[in-house]
C-alpha atoms as a PDB file:
ATOM      1  CA  MET A   1      -5.151   0.231  15.970  1.00  0.00           C
ATOM      2  CA  GLU A   2      -2.966   0.832  19.030  1.00  0.00           C
ATOM      3  CA  PHE A   3      -0.276   2.999  17.421  1.00  0.00           C
ATOM      4  CA  GLY A   4      -0.197   6.495  18.925  1.00  0.00           C
ATOM      5  CA  LYS A   5      -2.906   5.803  21.480  1.00  0.00           C
ATOM      6  CA  VAL A   6      -3.162   8.212  24.428  1.00  0.00           C
ATOM      7  CA  THR A   7      -5.553   8.751  27.323  1.00  0.00           C
ATOM      8  CA  ASP A   8      -8.465  11.182  27.162  1.00  0.00           C
ATOM      9  CA  ALA A   9      -6.636  13.430  29.619  1.00  0.00           C
ATOM     10  CA  GLU A  10      -3.571  13.505  27.349  1.00  0.00           C
ATOM     11  CA  LEU A  11      -5.734  14.300  24.312  1.00  0.00           C
ATOM     12  CA  LYS A  12      -6.591  17.673  25.810  1.00  0.00           C
ATOM     13  CA  GLN A  13      -2.908  18.604  26.031  1.00  0.00           C
ATOM     14  CA  ILE A  14      -1.908  17.786  22.442  1.00  0.00           C
ATOM     15  CA  ASP A  15      -1.379  20.408  19.770  1.00  0.00           C
ATOM     16  CA  PHE A  16      -2.952  18.832  16.686  1.00  0.00           C
ATOM     17  CA  THR A  17      -2.028  21.694  14.353  1.00  0.00           C
ATOM     18  CA  LEU A  18      -0.751  20.351  11.054  1.00  0.00           C
ATOM     19  CA  PRO A  19       2.812  21.516  10.361  1.00  0.00           C
ATOM     20  CA  PRO A  20       3.507  23.746   7.349  1.00  0.00           C
ATOM     21  CA  ASP A  21       4.483  22.170   4.055  1.00  0.00           C
ATOM     22  CA  PRO A  22       8.258  21.793   3.681  1.00  0.00           C
ATOM     23  CA  PRO A  23       9.965  23.186   0.562  1.00  0.00           C
ATOM     24  CA  GLY A  24      10.300  19.721  -0.984  1.00  0.00           C
ATOM     25  CA  THR A  25       6.551  19.152  -0.957  1.00  0.00           C
ATOM     26  CA  LYS A  26       5.890  22.477  -2.601  1.00  0.00           C
ATOM     27  CA  GLU A  27       8.385  21.671  -5.363  1.00  0.00           C
ATOM     28  CA  VAL A  28       6.885  18.229  -5.970  1.00  0.00           C
ATOM     29  CA  LEU A  29       3.329  19.543  -6.183  1.00  0.00           C
ATOM     30  CA  LYS A  30       4.351  22.183  -8.722  1.00  0.00           C
ATOM     31  CA  LYS A  31       5.063  19.341 -11.145  1.00  0.00           C
ATOM     32  CA  GLY A  32       1.755  17.617 -10.432  1.00  0.00           C
ATOM     33  CA  LYS A  33      -1.085  17.650 -12.937  1.00  0.00           C
ATOM     34  CA  GLY A  34      -3.885  18.230 -10.448  1.00  0.00           C
ATOM     35  CA  LYS A  35      -7.408  16.929 -11.153  1.00  0.00           C
ATOM     36  CA  THR A  36      -7.136  14.998  -7.910  1.00  0.00           C
ATOM     37  CA  LYS A  37      -8.494  11.453  -7.747  1.00  0.00           C
ATOM     38  CA  PHE A  38      -9.685  10.288  -4.336  1.00  0.00           C
ATOM     39  CA  TYR A  39      -9.476   6.839  -2.793  1.00  0.00           C
ATOM     40  CA  ILE A  40     -11.000   6.787   0.679  1.00  0.00           C
ATOM     41  CA  GLY A  41     -11.607   3.778   2.891  1.00  0.00           C
ATOM     42  CA  CYS A  42     -10.943   1.792   6.047  1.00  0.00           C
ATOM     43  CA  ALA A  43      -8.271  -0.724   7.057  1.00  0.00           C
ATOM     44  CA  LYS A  44     -10.582  -3.750   7.088  1.00  0.00           C
ATOM     45  CA  TRP A  45     -14.022  -4.824   5.973  1.00  0.00           C
ATOM     46  CA  GLY A  46     -14.682  -7.790   8.280  1.00  0.00           C
ATOM     47  CA  ARG A  47     -16.318  -6.044  11.210  1.00  0.00           C
ATOM     48  CA  LYS A  48     -19.316  -7.900  12.613  1.00  0.00           C
ATOM     49  CA  ASP A  49     -20.219  -4.818  14.669  1.00  0.00           C
ATOM     50  CA  TRP A  50     -20.794  -2.884  11.425  1.00  0.00           C
ATOM     51  CA  VAL A  51     -23.879  -5.005  10.712  1.00  0.00           C
ATOM     52  CA  GLY A  52     -26.857  -2.733  11.275  1.00  0.00           C
ATOM     53  CA  LYS A  53     -24.620   0.328  10.983  1.00  0.00           C
ATOM     54  CA  LEU A  54     -22.649   0.004   7.746  1.00  0.00           C
ATOM     55  CA  TYR A  55     -24.038  -3.292   6.458  1.00  0.00           C
ATOM     56  CA  PRO A  56     -27.736  -4.241   6.371  1.00  0.00           C
ATOM     57  CA  VAL A  57     -29.107  -6.245   9.276  1.00  0.00           C
ATOM     58  CA  GLY A  58     -28.689  -9.927   8.551  1.00  0.00           C
ATOM     59  CA  THR A  59     -25.620  -9.522   6.310  1.00  0.00           C
ATOM     60  CA  LYS A  60     -23.481 -12.662   6.398  1.00  0.00           C
ATOM     61  CA  GLU A  61     -19.756 -12.414   6.974  1.00  0.00           C
ATOM     62  CA  LYS A  62     -18.974 -13.852   3.539  1.00  0.00           C
ATOM     63  CA  ASP A  63     -20.770 -10.873   2.000  1.00  0.00           C
ATOM     64  CA  PHE A  64     -19.034  -8.120   4.000  1.00  0.00           C
ATOM     65  CA  LEU A  65     -16.498  -7.284   1.287  1.00  0.00           C
ATOM     66  CA  GLU A  66     -19.154  -6.984  -1.400  1.00  0.00           C
ATOM     67  CA  HIS A  67     -21.145  -4.546   0.752  1.00  0.00           C
ATOM     68  CA  TYR A  68     -18.011  -2.628   1.751  1.00  0.00           C
ATOM     69  CA  ALA A  69     -16.982  -2.206  -1.894  1.00  0.00           C
ATOM     70  CA  GLY A  70     -20.401  -0.772  -2.637  1.00  0.00           C
ATOM     71  CA  LEU A  71     -19.716   2.062  -0.183  1.00  0.00           C
ATOM     72  CA  PHE A  72     -15.973   2.755  -0.563  1.00  0.00           C
ATOM     73  CA  ASN A  73     -13.537   2.567  -3.472  1.00  0.00           C
ATOM     74  CA  CYS A  74     -10.485   1.204  -1.644  1.00  0.00           C
ATOM     75  CA  ILE A  75      -9.198  -0.679   1.374  1.00  0.00           C
ATOM     76  CA  GLU A  76      -5.947  -0.291   3.276  1.00  0.00           C
ATOM     77  CA  PHE A  77      -5.399  -4.009   3.340  1.00  0.00           C
ATOM     78  CA  ASN A  78      -3.676  -4.816   6.634  1.00  0.00           C
ATOM     79  CA  ALA A  79      -4.661  -8.490   6.600  1.00  0.00           C
ATOM     80  CA  THR A  80      -1.733  -9.269   4.284  1.00  0.00           C
ATOM     81  CA  PHE A  81       0.657  -8.136   7.020  1.00  0.00           C
ATOM     82  CA  TYR A  82      -0.252 -11.076   9.235  1.00  0.00           C
ATOM     83  CA  LYS A  83      -0.291 -13.699   6.491  1.00  0.00           C
ATOM     84  CA  SER A  84       0.802 -13.519   2.878  1.00  0.00           C
ATOM     85  CA  PRO A  85      -2.198 -14.402   0.681  1.00  0.00           C
ATOM     86  CA  THR A  86      -2.397 -17.073  -1.980  1.00  0.00           C
ATOM     87  CA  ALA A  87      -3.316 -16.334  -5.579  1.00  0.00           C
ATOM     88  CA  ASP A  88      -6.623 -18.171  -5.080  1.00  0.00           C
ATOM     89  CA  GLN A  89      -7.497 -15.974  -2.109  1.00  0.00           C
ATOM     90  CA  VAL A  90      -6.724 -12.839  -4.095  1.00  0.00           C
ATOM     91  CA  LEU A  91      -8.935 -13.955  -6.986  1.00  0.00           C
ATOM     92  CA  LYS A  92     -11.826 -14.626  -4.604  1.00  0.00           C
ATOM     93  CA  TRP A  93     -11.509 -11.123  -3.124  1.00  0.00           C
ATOM     94  CA  LYS A  94     -11.237  -9.602  -6.587  1.00  0.00           C
ATOM     95  CA  GLU A  95     -14.494 -11.251  -7.680  1.00  0.00           C
ATOM     96  CA  LYS A  96     -16.416  -9.363  -5.006  1.00  0.00           C
ATOM     97  CA  VAL A  97     -15.442  -5.798  -5.948  1.00  0.00           C
ATOM     98  CA  PRO A  98     -16.126  -3.486  -8.933  1.00  0.00           C
ATOM     99  CA  ASN A  99     -13.461  -2.645 -11.497  1.00  0.00           C
ATOM    100  CA  ASN A 100     -12.615   0.740  -9.943  1.00  0.00           C
ATOM    101  CA  PHE A 101     -12.003  -0.618  -6.433  1.00  0.00           C
ATOM    102  CA  LEU A 102      -8.397  -0.685  -5.148  1.00  0.00           C
ATOM    103  CA  PHE A 103      -6.740  -3.004  -2.646  1.00  0.00           C
ATOM    104  CA  CYS A 104      -3.688  -1.362  -1.027  1.00  0.00           C
ATOM    105  CA  PRO A 105      -1.963  -4.347   0.601  1.00  0.00           C
ATOM    106  CA  LYS A 106       0.650  -4.184   3.309  1.00  0.00           C
ATOM    107  CA  PHE A 107       3.844  -6.231   3.048  1.00  0.00           C
ATOM    108  CA  PRO A 108       3.826  -9.397   5.184  1.00  0.00           C
ATOM    109  CA  GLN A 109       5.531  -9.134   8.556  1.00  0.00           C
ATOM    110  CA  THR A 110       7.874 -11.965   7.598  1.00  0.00           C
ATOM    111  CA  ILE A 111       9.460  -9.630   5.040  1.00  0.00           C
ATOM    112  CA  THR A 112       9.383  -6.369   6.978  1.00  0.00           C
ATOM    113  CA  HIS A 113       9.517  -7.188  10.674  1.00  0.00           C
ATOM    114  CA  LEU A 114      11.084 -10.620  11.049  1.00  0.00           C
ATOM    115  CA  LYS A 115      13.673 -10.561   8.255  1.00  0.00           C
ATOM    116  CA  ARG A 116      13.918  -6.751   8.109  1.00  0.00           C
ATOM    117  CA  LEU A 117      14.003  -6.702   4.284  1.00  0.00           C
ATOM    118  CA  LYS A 118      17.084  -8.967   4.110  1.00  0.00           C
ATOM    119  CA  ASN A 119      17.250 -12.258   2.187  1.00  0.00           C
ATOM    120  CA  VAL A 120      13.562 -12.151   1.342  1.00  0.00           C
ATOM    121  CA  ASP A 121      13.643 -13.038  -2.362  1.00  0.00           C
ATOM    122  CA  ARG A 122      11.537 -16.169  -1.972  1.00  0.00           C
ATOM    123  CA  GLU A 123       8.960 -14.536   0.316  1.00  0.00           C
ATOM    124  CA  LEU A 124       8.765 -11.479  -1.931  1.00  0.00           C
ATOM    125  CA  ASP A 125       8.325 -13.562  -5.074  1.00  0.00           C
ATOM    126  CA  ASP A 126       5.472 -15.507  -3.452  1.00  0.00           C
ATOM    127  CA  TYR A 127       3.810 -12.328  -2.239  1.00  0.00           C
ATOM    128  CA  LEU A 128       4.047 -10.559  -5.600  1.00  0.00           C
ATOM    129  CA  ALA A 129       2.840 -13.650  -7.476  1.00  0.00           C
ATOM    130  CA  ALA A 130      -0.300 -13.547  -5.342  1.00  0.00           C
ATOM    131  CA  ILE A 131      -1.139  -9.829  -5.252  1.00  0.00           C
ATOM    132  CA  THR A 132      -0.549  -9.286  -8.967  1.00  0.00           C
ATOM    133  CA  GLU A 133      -3.691 -11.367  -9.441  1.00  0.00           C
ATOM    134  CA  PHE A 134      -5.578  -8.266  -8.313  1.00  0.00           C
ATOM    135  CA  GLY A 135      -4.768  -6.831 -11.746  1.00  0.00           C
ATOM    136  CA  LYS A 136      -6.387  -3.418 -12.170  1.00  0.00           C
ATOM    137  CA  ASN A 137      -7.728  -3.682  -8.616  1.00  0.00           C
ATOM    138  CA  LEU A 138      -4.210  -3.455  -7.178  1.00  0.00           C
ATOM    139  CA  GLY A 139      -3.464  -0.067  -5.666  1.00  0.00           C
ATOM    140  CA  PRO A 140      -0.261   1.150  -4.000  1.00  0.00           C
ATOM    141  CA  ILE A 141       1.639  -1.364  -1.901  1.00  0.00           C
ATOM    142  CA  PHE A 142       2.277  -0.257   1.646  1.00  0.00           C
ATOM    143  CA  LEU A 143       5.785  -0.756   3.077  1.00  0.00           C
ATOM    144  CA  LEU A 144       6.215  -0.453   6.844  1.00  0.00           C
ATOM    145  CA  PRO A 145       9.720  -1.574   7.871  1.00  0.00           C
ATOM    146  CA  ASN A 146      10.312  -2.884  11.370  1.00  0.00           C
ATOM    147  CA  PRO A 147       9.803   0.118  13.718  1.00  0.00           C
ATOM    148  CA  GLN A 148      13.266  -0.529  15.160  1.00  0.00           C
ATOM    149  CA  MET A 149      14.851   0.248  11.787  1.00  0.00           C
ATOM    150  CA  ALA A 150      16.444   3.685  12.175  1.00  0.00           C
ATOM    151  CA  PRO A 151      18.448   5.748   9.641  1.00  0.00           C
ATOM    152  CA  LYS A 152      21.373   3.378  10.163  1.00  0.00           C
ATOM    153  CA  SER A 153      19.204   0.904   8.206  1.00  0.00           C
ATOM    154  CA  MET A 154      18.943   3.301   5.268  1.00  0.00           C
ATOM    155  CA  GLU A 155      20.843   0.990   2.915  1.00  0.00           C
ATOM    156  CA  ASN A 156      18.549  -1.960   3.699  1.00  0.00           C
ATOM    157  CA  ILE A 157      15.433   0.078   3.005  1.00  0.00           C
ATOM    158  CA  THR A 158      16.639   1.837  -0.132  1.00  0.00           C
ATOM    159  CA  GLY A 159      18.165  -1.364  -1.480  1.00  0.00           C
ATOM    160  CA  PHE A 160      14.876  -3.200  -1.070  1.00  0.00           C
ATOM    161  CA  MET A 161      12.967  -0.378  -2.755  1.00  0.00           C
ATOM    162  CA  GLU A 162      15.562  -0.058  -5.511  1.00  0.00           C
ATOM    163  CA  ASN A 163      15.022  -3.679  -6.507  1.00  0.00           C
ATOM    164  CA  PHE A 164      11.236  -3.578  -6.255  1.00  0.00           C
ATOM    165  CA  PRO A 165       9.346  -3.721  -9.584  1.00  0.00           C
ATOM    166  CA  LYS A 166       9.217  -0.218 -11.016  1.00  0.00           C
ATOM    167  CA  ASP A 167       5.766  -0.696 -12.533  1.00  0.00           C
ATOM    168  CA  MET A 168       4.171  -1.176  -9.102  1.00  0.00           C
ATOM    169  CA  ASP A 169       3.275   1.781  -6.873  1.00  0.00           C
ATOM    170  CA  LEU A 170       5.069   1.728  -3.535  1.00  0.00           C
ATOM    171  CA  PHE A 171       4.564   3.946  -0.486  1.00  0.00           C
ATOM    172  CA  LEU A 172       6.751   4.005   2.620  1.00  0.00           C
ATOM    173  CA  GLU A 173       5.840   4.544   6.274  1.00  0.00           C
ATOM    174  CA  LEU A 174       8.495   4.921   8.985  1.00  0.00           C
ATOM    175  CA  ARG A 175       8.033   4.596  12.732  1.00  0.00           C
ATOM    176  CA  HIS A 176      11.486   5.099  14.290  1.00  0.00           C
ATOM    177  CA  ALA A 177      11.671   8.635  15.716  1.00  0.00           C
ATOM    178  CA  ASP A 178      15.164   9.284  14.344  1.00  0.00           C
ATOM    179  CA  TRP A 179      13.781   9.557  10.793  1.00  0.00           C
ATOM    180  CA  TYR A 180      12.051  12.771  11.853  1.00  0.00           C
ATOM    181  CA  LYS A 181      14.928  14.767  13.330  1.00  0.00           C
ATOM    182  CA  ASP A 182      16.150  16.652  10.246  1.00  0.00           C
ATOM    183  CA  GLU A 183      15.527  20.366   9.762  1.00  0.00           C
ATOM    184  CA  TYR A 184      12.151  19.969   8.073  1.00  0.00           C
ATOM    185  CA  GLY A 185      11.027  16.957  10.051  1.00  0.00           C
ATOM    186  CA  PHE A 186      12.006  14.131   7.688  1.00  0.00           C
ATOM    187  CA  ASN A 187      15.317  12.532   6.763  1.00  0.00           C
ATOM    188  CA  GLN A 188      16.493  14.547   3.760  1.00  0.00           C
ATOM    189  CA  GLU A 189      18.667  11.805   2.254  1.00  0.00           C
ATOM    190  CA  LEU A 190      15.769   9.378   2.222  1.00  0.00           C
ATOM    191  CA  PHE A 191      13.352  12.004   0.898  1.00  0.00           C
ATOM    192  CA  ASP A 192      15.706  12.767  -1.994  1.00  0.00           C
ATOM    193  CA  PHE A 193      15.905   9.047  -2.773  1.00  0.00           C
ATOM    194  CA  LEU A 194      12.119   8.638  -2.734  1.00  0.00           C
ATOM    195  CA  ARG A 195      11.625  11.681  -4.900  1.00  0.00           C
ATOM    196  CA  LYS A 196      14.205  10.504  -7.438  1.00  0.00           C
ATOM    197  CA  LYS A 197      12.718   6.999  -7.585  1.00  0.00           C
ATOM    198  CA  LYS A 198       9.128   8.283  -7.596  1.00  0.00           C
ATOM    199  CA  ARG A 199       8.180   6.343  -4.497  1.00  0.00           C
ATOM    200  CA  GLY A 200       5.582   7.782  -2.164  1.00  0.00           C
ATOM    201  CA  THR A 201       5.579   8.710   1.511  1.00  0.00           C
ATOM    202  CA  ILE A 202       2.935   7.785   4.058  1.00  0.00           C
ATOM    203  CA  ILE A 203       1.760  10.329   6.619  1.00  0.00           C
ATOM    204  CA  THR A 204       0.334   8.772   9.770  1.00  0.00           C
ATOM    205  CA  ASP A 205      -1.699  11.145  11.915  1.00  0.00           C
ATOM    206  CA  ALA A 206      -1.937   9.637  15.406  1.00  0.00           C
ATOM    207  CA  ALA A 207      -2.395  11.537  18.640  1.00  0.00           C
ATOM    208  CA  GLY A 208       0.654  10.124  20.403  1.00  0.00           C
ATOM    209  CA  ARG A 209       3.143  10.427  17.522  1.00  0.00           C
ATOM    210  CA  ARG A 210       2.984  13.929  16.112  1.00  0.00           C
ATOM    211  CA  ASP A 211       6.419  13.531  14.514  1.00  0.00           C
ATOM    212  CA  CYS A 212       4.905  11.108  11.987  1.00  0.00           C
ATOM    213  CA  VAL A 213       2.735  13.938  10.643  1.00  0.00           C
ATOM    214  CA  HIS A 214       5.664  15.039   8.528  1.00  0.00           C
ATOM    215  CA  MET A 215       3.856  16.550   5.479  1.00  0.00           C
ATOM    216  CA  HIS A 216       6.570  15.435   3.044  1.00  0.00           C
ATOM    217  CA  LEU A 217       5.208  14.395  -0.362  1.00  0.00           C
ATOM    218  CA  SER A 218       7.861  12.819  -2.578  1.00  0.00           C
ATOM    219  CA  THR A 219       5.350  12.370  -5.422  1.00  0.00           C
ATOM    220  CA  PRO A 220       2.282  14.495  -6.271  1.00  0.00           C
ATOM    221  CA  GLU A 221       0.212  12.057  -4.227  1.00  0.00           C
ATOM    222  CA  CYS A 222      -0.680  11.803  -0.565  1.00  0.00           C
ATOM    223  CA  PHE A 223      -1.228   8.604   1.416  1.00  0.00           C
ATOM    224  CA  ILE A 224      -2.698   9.495   4.791  1.00  0.00           C
ATOM    225  CA  ARG A 225      -3.433   7.118   7.641  1.00  0.00           C
ATOM    226  CA  PHE A 226      -5.652   8.943  10.108  1.00  0.00           C
ATOM    227  CA  VAL A 227      -6.005   7.454  13.592  1.00  0.00           C
ATOM    228  CA  GLY A 228      -8.950   8.816  15.526  1.00  0.00           C
ATOM    229  CA  ASN A 229      -9.956   8.482  19.152  1.00  0.00           C
ATOM    230  CA  SER A 230     -13.452   6.981  19.227  1.00  0.00           C
ATOM    231  CA  LEU A 231     -15.149  10.101  17.836  1.00  0.00           C
ATOM    232  CA  HIS A 232     -13.649  12.436  20.400  1.00  0.00           C
ATOM    233  CA  GLU A 233     -14.382  16.062  19.499  1.00  0.00           C
ATOM    234  CA  THR A 234     -10.761  16.484  18.425  1.00  0.00           C
ATOM    235  CA  ASP A 235     -11.306  13.855  15.698  1.00  0.00           C
ATOM    236  CA  TYR A 236     -13.655  16.216  13.895  1.00  0.00           C
ATOM    237  CA  GLU A 237     -11.374  19.225  14.402  1.00  0.00           C
ATOM    238  CA  ARG A 238      -8.445  17.265  12.975  1.00  0.00           C
ATOM    239  CA  ILE A 239     -10.495  16.167   9.969  1.00  0.00           C
ATOM    240  CA  ASP A 240     -11.455  19.791   9.333  1.00  0.00           C
ATOM    241  CA  ASP A 241      -7.763  20.711   9.226  1.00  0.00           C
ATOM    242  CA  TRP A 242      -7.013  17.872   6.813  1.00  0.00           C
ATOM    243  CA  VAL A 243      -9.768  19.040   4.499  1.00  0.00           C
ATOM    244  CA  LYS A 244      -8.175  22.485   4.396  1.00  0.00           C
ATOM    245  CA  ARG A 245      -4.719  21.066   3.689  1.00  0.00           C
ATOM    246  CA  ILE A 246      -5.943  18.697   0.978  1.00  0.00           C
ATOM    247  CA  LYS A 247      -7.883  21.537  -0.643  1.00  0.00           C
ATOM    248  CA  LYS A 248      -4.639  23.523  -0.724  1.00  0.00           C
ATOM    249  CA  TRP A 249      -2.729  20.601  -2.231  1.00  0.00           C
ATOM    250  CA  MET A 250      -5.443  20.143  -4.859  1.00  0.00           C
ATOM    251  CA  LYS A 251      -4.872  23.698  -6.043  1.00  0.00           C
ATOM    252  CA  GLU A 252      -1.106  23.136  -6.096  1.00  0.00           C
ATOM    253  CA  GLY A 253      -1.129  20.020  -8.294  1.00  0.00           C
ATOM    254  CA  LEU A 254      -2.079  16.996  -6.157  1.00  0.00           C
ATOM    255  CA  GLU A 255      -2.906  14.106  -8.489  1.00  0.00           C
ATOM    256  CA  THR A 256      -4.095  11.401  -6.087  1.00  0.00           C
ATOM    257  CA  CYS A 257      -5.248  11.306  -2.473  1.00  0.00           C
ATOM    258  CA  TYR A 258      -5.373   8.041  -0.559  1.00  0.00           C
ATOM    259  CA  PHE A 259      -7.015   8.565   2.815  1.00  0.00           C
ATOM    260  CA  PHE A 260      -7.546   5.679   5.218  1.00  0.00           C
ATOM    261  CA  MET A 261      -9.532   5.934   8.412  1.00  0.00           C
ATOM    262  CA  HIS A 262      -8.535   4.167  11.608  1.00  0.00           C
ATOM    263  CA  GLN A 263      -9.911   4.352  15.102  1.00  0.00           C
ATOM    264  CA  HIS A 264      -8.461   2.757  18.194  1.00  0.00           C
ATOM    265  CA  GLU A 265     -11.917   1.214  18.317  1.00  0.00           C
ATOM    266  CA  GLU A 266     -12.586   0.479  14.630  1.00  0.00           C
ATOM    267  CA  LEU A 267     -16.314   0.327  15.328  1.00  0.00           C
ATOM    268  CA  HIS A 268     -16.371   4.089  14.841  1.00  0.00           C
ATOM    269  CA  SER A 269     -14.407   4.447  11.581  1.00  0.00           C
ATOM    270  CA  PRO A 270     -17.467   4.685   9.260  1.00  0.00           C
ATOM    271  CA  GLU A 271     -18.864   7.741  11.037  1.00  0.00           C
ATOM    272  CA  LEU A 272     -15.667   9.709  10.637  1.00  0.00           C
ATOM    273  CA  ILE A 273     -15.192   8.717   6.994  1.00  0.00           C
ATOM    274  CA  LYS A 274     -18.699   9.932   6.295  1.00  0.00           C
ATOM    275  CA  TYR A 275     -17.892  13.252   7.958  1.00  0.00           C
ATOM    276  CA  PHE A 276     -14.578  13.550   6.069  1.00  0.00           C
ATOM    277  CA  ILE A 277     -16.229  13.020   2.689  1.00  0.00           C
ATOM    278  CA  GLU A 278     -19.052  15.427   3.465  1.00  0.00           C
ATOM    279  CA  GLN A 279     -16.574  18.142   4.429  1.00  0.00           C
ATOM    280  CA  LEU A 280     -14.454  17.555   1.319  1.00  0.00           C
ATOM    281  CA  ASN A 281     -17.533  17.873  -0.866  1.00  0.00           C
ATOM    282  CA  LYS A 282     -18.617  21.011   0.966  1.00  0.00           C
ATOM    283  CA  HIS A 283     -15.296  22.858   1.148  1.00  0.00           C
ATOM    284  CA  ALA A 284     -13.091  21.434  -1.628  1.00  0.00           C
ATOM    285  CA  GLY A 285     -15.679  21.175  -4.384  1.00  0.00           C
ATOM    286  CA  THR A 286     -15.396  17.397  -4.715  1.00  0.00           C
ATOM    287  CA  GLU A 287     -18.317  15.169  -5.624  1.00  0.00           C
ATOM    288  CA  ILE A 288     -17.388  12.001  -3.766  1.00  0.00           C
ATOM    289  CA  SER A 289     -20.170   9.549  -3.044  1.00  0.00           C
ATOM    290  CA  VAL A 290     -21.092   9.687   0.654  1.00  0.00           C
ATOM    291  CA  PRO A 291     -21.424   6.216   2.219  1.00  0.00           C
ATOM    292  CA  LYS A 292     -24.990   5.518   3.237  1.00  0.00           C
ATOM    293  CA  MET A 293     -25.355   4.229   6.759  1.00  0.00           C
ATOM    294  CA  GLN A 294     -28.090   1.883   7.864  1.00  0.00           C
ATOM    295  CA  TYR A 295     -29.306   4.353  10.466  1.00  0.00           C
ATOM    296  CA  GLU A 296     -28.803   7.990  11.286  1.00  0.00           C
ATOM    297  CA  GLY A 297     -28.232   8.960  14.897  1.00  0.00           C
ATOM    298  CA  ASP A 298     -26.416  11.435  17.084  1.00  0.00           C
ATOM    299  CA  LEU A 299     -23.076   9.940  16.117  1.00  0.00           C
ATOM    300  CA  PHE A 300     -23.425  11.021  12.501  1.00  0.00           C
ATOM    301  CA  LYS A 301     -22.522  14.663  12.249  1.00  0.00           C
END
């Protein structure tokens, strides 16, 4: 993942402190029921360089998903961004995972980036017809509008979300910097809309875009995309801070936590997920299954 990538020299200059919770988040969490459920995973399963690390030596590519789903309970499914799946493809993926596993698919780029959410009825119908075949394995759907879409595109975004099926979970990520210039670091008009419609926000924690770490929860759920820097020491410090914040949210009513691990070099994502889960279990009292690696070395803290 290239978003928010910086040089090692720049890493040392960045203040990674998580901002305080805005008033809106505190109000939303007060209405949450707590008893937080956790869904933690990566953005992809098809990494050949995970064989011998995450997957047993000799694992064939066709079996990657089955092994992945034995270690994690969800996937931030970015593959659907590049090509909308067919129903047959979805059913084949579904066959390889247990009943409690969630796919969190991204909208295809044809809908979000090329057509910018306009005149997409046919593409949206095809996409929904396919992903609904996931059934109980379908998690939140991940909407990332074209990064050039600024607050002047508010009507396009809210109109698209307004017409989206209400029985399907939908979370929104925004990239244009102008969305983050309001008093509390997030466009208030859009936040009020999301809160009213019970649509979630996505927090993306990347080194080079600290404005996207906005801490606004419009539902008593968090959807966090963490982008690390190849196991740099700051990756672990940042994870420690997230554990503290999530522990706080758990006490305040957080119902669900979706946490997806990215690295600019995805080879290293499993190590940091393992560390994240271990720290949650240690400091937040969770009992999340820790993924078992195929070897233990200096990289596994």
